[in-house]
């Protein structure tokens, strides 16, 4: 029985033919080989009208948004009605009037126009404000959260500065209280430090000031008017009602202050206080007295 042989088919995959990209203004035309000689009507003006209408619609929408935003900026619904609409948290020394003046806020301010970052910068420009946070409460309220600096002493470096618990210096404002001990003998370099790191020299000073809070009079924090810092010889105290300088050294402050409290009545009873110019407590088991006119400057 004879079978007819089938011819082998060419199964090779033919590569795709490159098609020339048609410009957008020619798209939509019929690619008929039988009509190549005929001229097709152009769609240019139709496309131009569509582009013009789209641009006009976009411009109208943008203008509408601008008008709406202007209307919201001038709307009394989003305006602060009175000072009581501005809540202030964390103020102890500063008055609400001063804080509002520093922030640049008041009745009539529109919340849409209030820039929280700018208000915070205004508040931080005040020397007594360490931190500031502004929160808008829609539609017409604002919350100002501040943290005031906590000064522990005054520092004499050419002029007077406050120093806080973090060892940062800031200038006193007119009318600020000056009922703090004055630190002398320090330089500007003692206060240059990385963020949130208290310098070693100031850490020792803060420790001494904390001990003076619990010390008996007259060498307690309420009576001490000046603390002179000498990095080699230690600390020298000057107290109100005591005409002599008191040398403490660098260690064992509680024991030395207690020793002075014991000899203080004896010195007062025998009349030594009017003659003594310096009292050195930096000796074990004894106290060194120096008469006035013979003491060395700290």
Protein backbone atom coordinates (compact mmCIF):
# COMPACT_ATOMS: atom_id res chain seq x y z
CA UNK A 1 0.00 0.00 0.00
CA UNK A 2 1.41 3.24 -1.06
CA UNK A 3 1.33 6.34 1.20
CA UNK A 4 1.78 9.83 0.05
CA UNK A 5 4.71 11.53 1.63
CA UNK A 6 3.89 14.86 3.12
CA UNK A 7 6.17 17.65 2.36
CA UNK A 8 8.20 18.95 5.28
CA UNK A 9 6.88 22.27 6.39
CA UNK A 10 9.17 25.11 7.19
CA UNK A 11 8.54 25.64 10.90
CA UNK A 12 11.17 28.31 11.48
CA UNK A 13 9.90 31.31 13.39
CA UNK A 14 10.03 34.32 11.21
CA UNK A 15 11.35 37.51 12.93
CA UNK A 16 8.77 40.28 13.33
CA UNK A 17 8.80 42.84 10.63
CA UNK A 18 9.82 46.31 11.67
CA UNK A 19 6.91 48.71 11.57
CA UNK A 20 7.61 52.33 11.09
CA UNK A 21 6.23 54.54 13.87
CA UNK A 22 3.42 56.71 12.55
CA UNK A 23 3.30 60.35 13.82
CA UNK A 24 0.28 61.19 15.92
CA UNK A 25 -1.06 63.70 13.35
CA UNK A 26 -1.18 60.95 10.71
CA UNK A 27 -2.80 58.33 12.90
CA UNK A 28 -6.30 57.31 12.03
CA UNK A 29 -5.71 57.41 8.26
CA UNK A 30 -6.49 54.31 6.26
CA UNK A 31 -3.46 52.43 5.06
CA UNK A 32 -5.06 51.01 1.97
CA UNK A 33 -2.69 50.21 -0.89
CA UNK A 34 -5.48 50.71 -3.35
CA UNK A 35 -6.15 54.26 -2.12
CA UNK A 36 -2.62 55.60 -1.79
CA UNK A 37 -3.15 58.00 -4.52
CA UNK A 38 -6.16 59.62 -2.88
CA UNK A 39 -5.72 62.50 -0.41
CA UNK A 40 -7.33 61.97 3.03
CA UNK A 41 -8.93 64.89 4.87
CA UNK A 42 -6.72 66.24 7.74
CA UNK A 43 -7.87 66.05 11.42
CA UNK A 44 -5.51 68.85 12.61
CA UNK A 45 -8.17 71.42 13.49
CA UNK A 46 -10.19 68.94 15.48
CA UNK A 47 -7.20 68.03 17.59
CA UNK A 48 -6.29 71.72 18.03
CA UNK A 49 -9.79 72.48 19.31
CA UNK A 50 -9.55 69.63 21.83
CA UNK A 51 -6.17 70.90 23.09
CA UNK A 52 -7.52 74.43 23.41
CA UNK A 53 -10.59 73.27 25.33
CA UNK A 54 -8.44 71.17 27.67
CA UNK A 55 -6.09 74.08 28.40
CA UNK A 56 -9.04 76.38 29.05
CA UNK A 57 -10.62 73.88 31.42
CA UNK A 58 -7.35 73.49 33.36
CA UNK A 59 -6.88 77.26 33.60
CA UNK A 60 -10.45 77.71 34.81
CA UNK A 61 -10.00 75.00 37.43
CA UNK A 62 -6.76 76.58 38.68
CA UNK A 63 -8.39 80.00 38.89
CA UNK A 64 -11.31 78.50 40.80
CA UNK A 65 -8.96 76.90 43.32
CA UNK A 66 -7.14 80.21 43.82
CA UNK A 67 -10.41 82.05 44.40
CA UNK A 68 -11.56 79.35 46.84
CA UNK A 69 -8.28 79.48 48.79
CA UNK A 70 -8.49 83.28 49.01
CA UNK A 71 -12.06 82.98 50.24
CA UNK A 72 -10.96 80.51 52.96
CA UNK A 73 -8.08 82.79 54.01
CA UNK A 74 -10.49 85.67 54.55
CA UNK A 75 -13.27 83.59 56.06
CA UNK A 76 -13.97 84.37 59.75
CA UNK A 77 -14.78 80.69 60.30
CA UNK A 78 -11.05 79.82 60.42
CA UNK A 79 -9.96 82.95 62.33
CA UNK A 80 -8.91 83.05 65.99
CA UNK A 81 -11.72 84.88 67.77
CA UNK A 82 -9.96 85.88 71.04
CA UNK A 83 -6.85 85.22 73.11
CA UNK A 84 -8.64 82.50 75.08
CA UNK A 85 -8.70 80.46 71.85
CA UNK A 86 -4.88 80.17 72.14
CA UNK A 87 -3.98 77.61 74.82
CA UNK A 88 -0.53 78.01 76.39
CA UNK A 89 1.07 75.07 78.20
CA UNK A 90 4.32 74.96 80.19
CA UNK A 91 4.67 78.67 81.03
CA UNK A 92 5.96 79.44 84.53
CA UNK A 93 7.96 82.65 84.42
CA UNK A 94 6.77 84.10 81.12
CA UNK A 95 3.38 85.78 80.96
CA UNK A 96 0.77 84.77 78.34
CA UNK A 97 0.88 88.28 76.86
CA UNK A 98 4.64 88.06 76.31
CA UNK A 99 4.36 84.58 74.78
CA UNK A 100 1.64 85.66 72.34
CA UNK A 101 3.67 88.71 71.35
CA UNK A 102 6.74 86.55 70.79
CA UNK A 103 4.75 84.01 68.75
CA UNK A 104 3.08 86.70 66.64
CA UNK A 105 -0.41 85.30 67.23
CA UNK A 106 -3.62 86.99 68.27
CA UNK A 107 -7.30 87.50 67.43
CA UNK A 108 -7.93 87.72 63.70
CA UNK A 109 -5.16 85.32 62.68
CA UNK A 110 -6.38 82.74 60.15
CA UNK A 111 -5.34 79.15 60.87
CA UNK A 112 -4.74 78.51 57.16
CA UNK A 113 -2.19 81.34 57.13
CA UNK A 114 -0.52 80.30 60.42
CA UNK A 115 2.78 78.50 59.70
CA UNK A 116 3.58 76.30 62.69
CA UNK A 117 7.31 76.10 61.90
CA UNK A 118 7.63 79.89 61.76
CA UNK A 119 5.74 80.35 65.04
CA UNK A 120 8.04 77.80 66.71
CA UNK A 121 11.10 79.67 65.46
CA UNK A 122 9.67 82.91 66.84
CA UNK A 123 9.20 81.33 70.26
CA UNK A 124 12.66 79.73 70.32
CA UNK A 125 14.19 83.15 69.65
CA UNK A 126 13.28 84.12 73.24
CA UNK A 127 16.18 83.35 75.62
CA UNK A 128 13.93 81.75 78.26
CA UNK A 129 12.27 79.24 75.90
CA UNK A 130 14.16 75.98 75.33
CA UNK A 131 11.51 74.08 73.34
CA UNK A 132 8.33 75.02 71.50
CA UNK A 133 5.59 73.09 69.72
CA UNK A 134 2.60 74.55 67.87
CA UNK A 135 -0.57 72.57 67.15
CA UNK A 136 -3.57 73.88 65.19
CA UNK A 137 -7.00 72.78 66.43
CA UNK A 138 -9.48 73.29 63.61
CA UNK A 139 -11.34 75.44 62.92
CA UNK A 140 -10.18 78.32 65.18
CA UNK A 141 -7.94 77.16 68.08
CA UNK A 142 -4.15 76.91 68.61
CA UNK A 143 -2.16 75.12 71.32
CA UNK A 144 1.33 76.42 72.23
CA UNK A 145 3.46 74.00 74.24
CA UNK A 146 6.70 75.50 75.57
CA UNK A 147 9.46 74.39 77.92
CA UNK A 148 11.21 77.15 79.78
CA UNK A 149 14.87 77.02 80.69
CA UNK A 150 15.68 76.19 84.31
CA UNK A 151 18.59 78.43 85.38
CA UNK A 152 20.69 77.26 88.31
CA UNK A 153 23.29 80.03 88.47
CA UNK A 154 24.67 83.17 86.88
CA UNK A 155 28.03 83.04 85.09
CA UNK A 156 30.45 85.95 84.85
CA UNK A 157 32.21 85.78 81.47
CA UNK A 158 32.79 89.40 80.54
CA UNK A 159 29.07 89.92 81.23
CA UNK A 160 26.43 88.00 83.12
CA UNK A 161 24.78 84.92 81.62
CA UNK A 162 22.35 82.37 82.98
CA UNK A 163 23.35 78.69 82.86
CA UNK A 164 20.76 75.92 82.93
CA UNK A 165 20.97 72.28 84.02
CA UNK A 166 22.24 71.21 80.59
CA UNK A 167 25.18 73.60 80.82
CA UNK A 168 23.79 75.99 78.21
CA UNK A 169 24.30 79.73 78.49
CA UNK A 170 21.61 82.28 77.71
CA UNK A 171 21.34 86.00 78.27
CA UNK A 172 19.14 87.48 81.00
CA UNK A 173 16.33 89.76 79.92
CA UNK A 174 15.61 93.11 81.60
CA UNK A 175 13.75 92.55 84.83
CA UNK A 176 14.80 88.90 85.24
CA UNK A 177 15.58 87.74 88.81
CA UNK A 178 19.22 87.66 89.86
CA UNK A 179 18.84 85.68 93.09
CA UNK A 180 21.31 83.00 91.96
CA UNK A 181 24.94 82.43 92.96
CA UNK A 182 27.46 83.87 90.51
CA UNK A 183 30.06 81.49 89.05
CA UNK A 184 33.47 83.03 88.34
CA UNK A 185 36.75 81.62 87.03
CA UNK A 186 35.15 79.84 84.04
CA UNK A 187 35.71 80.49 80.33
CA UNK A 188 33.57 80.17 77.23
CA UNK A 189 35.27 76.85 76.38
CA UNK A 190 33.82 75.26 79.53
CA UNK A 191 30.36 75.55 77.96
CA UNK A 192 31.13 74.28 74.44
CA UNK A 193 29.80 70.73 74.35
CA UNK A 194 27.89 68.24 72.27
CA UNK A 195 24.11 68.16 72.39
CA UNK A 196 22.65 66.78 75.66
CA UNK A 197 26.13 66.23 77.19
CA UNK A 198 26.93 68.28 80.31
CA UNK A 199 30.61 69.41 80.43
CA UNK A 200 32.67 67.84 83.20
CA UNK A 201 33.50 71.18 84.82
CA UNK A 202 29.81 72.13 84.99
CA UNK A 203 28.81 68.68 86.27
CA UNK A 204 31.08 69.19 89.29
CA UNK A 205 29.67 72.68 89.85
CA UNK A 206 26.10 71.36 89.74
CA UNK A 207 27.01 68.66 92.26
CA UNK A 208 28.40 71.29 94.64
CA UNK A 209 25.29 73.47 94.26
CA UNK A 210 23.07 70.49 95.10
CA UNK A 211 25.10 69.85 98.26
CA UNK A 212 24.84 73.51 99.25
CA UNK A 213 21.04 73.21 99.19
CA UNK A 214 21.20 70.85 102.18
CA UNK A 215 24.16 72.50 103.94
CA UNK A 216 23.68 74.35 107.26
CA UNK A 217 24.01 78.16 107.30
CA UNK A 218 25.88 80.33 106.66
CA UNK A 219 27.39 78.23 103.85
CA UNK A 220 24.13 77.14 102.27
CA UNK A 221 22.80 77.94 98.81
CA UNK A 222 20.51 80.68 100.10
CA UNK A 223 23.50 82.64 101.52
CA UNK A 224 26.26 81.86 98.99
CA UNK A 225 26.62 84.79 96.61
CA UNK A 226 29.65 83.63 94.58
CA UNK A 227 31.40 80.38 93.73
CA UNK A 228 34.89 80.83 92.32
CA UNK A 229 36.12 77.88 90.24
CA UNK A 230 39.80 76.97 90.10
CA UNK A 231 40.41 73.71 88.24
CA UNK A 232 43.59 73.00 90.25
CA UNK A 233 42.86 74.41 93.71
CA UNK A 234 39.13 73.77 93.82
CA UNK A 235 36.18 75.93 94.83
CA UNK A 236 36.05 79.09 96.92
CA UNK A 237 32.77 80.26 98.44
CA UNK A 238 31.71 83.81 99.30
CA UNK A 239 28.62 84.06 101.49
CA UNK A 240 26.42 86.95 102.61
CA UNK A 241 27.16 87.95 106.20
CA UNK A 242 30.59 86.28 106.08
CA UNK A 243 33.50 88.57 105.30
CA UNK A 244 35.97 85.74 104.68
CA UNK A 245 36.42 83.56 101.61
CA UNK A 246 36.06 79.83 102.29
CA UNK A 247 38.23 77.34 100.37
CA UNK A 248 36.66 73.90 99.87
CA UNK A 249 39.08 72.16 97.54
CA UNK A 250 37.85 69.55 95.08
CA UNK A 251 36.54 66.70 97.24
CA UNK A 252 34.57 65.83 100.40
CA UNK A 253 32.25 68.84 100.31
CA UNK A 254 29.65 67.57 102.84
CA UNK A 255 32.27 66.77 105.49
CA UNK A 256 34.01 70.14 105.05
CA UNK A 257 30.75 72.09 105.23
CA UNK A 258 29.76 70.21 108.37
CA UNK A 259 33.16 70.99 109.89
CA UNK A 260 32.67 74.69 109.16
CA UNK A 261 29.24 74.62 110.79
CA UNK A 262 30.87 73.33 113.99
CA UNK A 263 33.63 75.97 114.18
CA UNK A 264 31.42 78.85 113.05
CA UNK A 265 29.99 79.62 116.53
CA UNK A 266 33.48 79.51 118.05
CA UNK A 267 34.91 81.94 115.50
CA UNK A 268 31.98 84.30 116.03
CA UNK A 269 32.22 84.10 119.83
CA UNK A 270 35.95 84.86 119.93
CA UNK A 271 35.70 87.70 117.40
CA UNK A 272 37.85 86.06 114.75
CA UNK A 273 35.42 86.69 111.95
CA UNK A 274 36.18 90.42 111.77
CA UNK A 275 39.91 89.68 111.54
CA UNK A 276 39.95 86.66 109.22
CA UNK A 277 40.08 87.19 105.47
CA UNK A 278 40.28 83.54 104.36
CA UNK A 279 39.24 80.19 105.83
CA UNK A 280 40.77 77.07 104.28
CA UNK A 281 38.86 73.85 104.95
CA UNK A 282 40.96 71.75 102.55
CA UNK A 283 43.06 70.28 105.35
CA UNK A 284 42.23 67.08 107.25
CA UNK A 285 41.47 67.47 110.95
CA UNK A 286 42.16 71.22 110.99
CA UNK A 287 41.14 74.65 109.68
CA UNK A 288 43.62 77.22 108.37
CA UNK A 289 42.78 80.88 109.04
CA UNK A 290 44.41 83.76 107.18
CA UNK A 291 44.15 87.29 108.54
CA UNK A 292 42.81 90.08 106.38
CA UNK A 293 45.45 91.75 104.27
CA UNK A 294 47.50 88.57 104.15
CA UNK A 295 45.20 86.36 102.08
CA UNK A 296 45.92 85.51 98.46
CA UNK A 297 43.44 86.24 95.73
CA UNK A 298 41.43 83.16 94.68
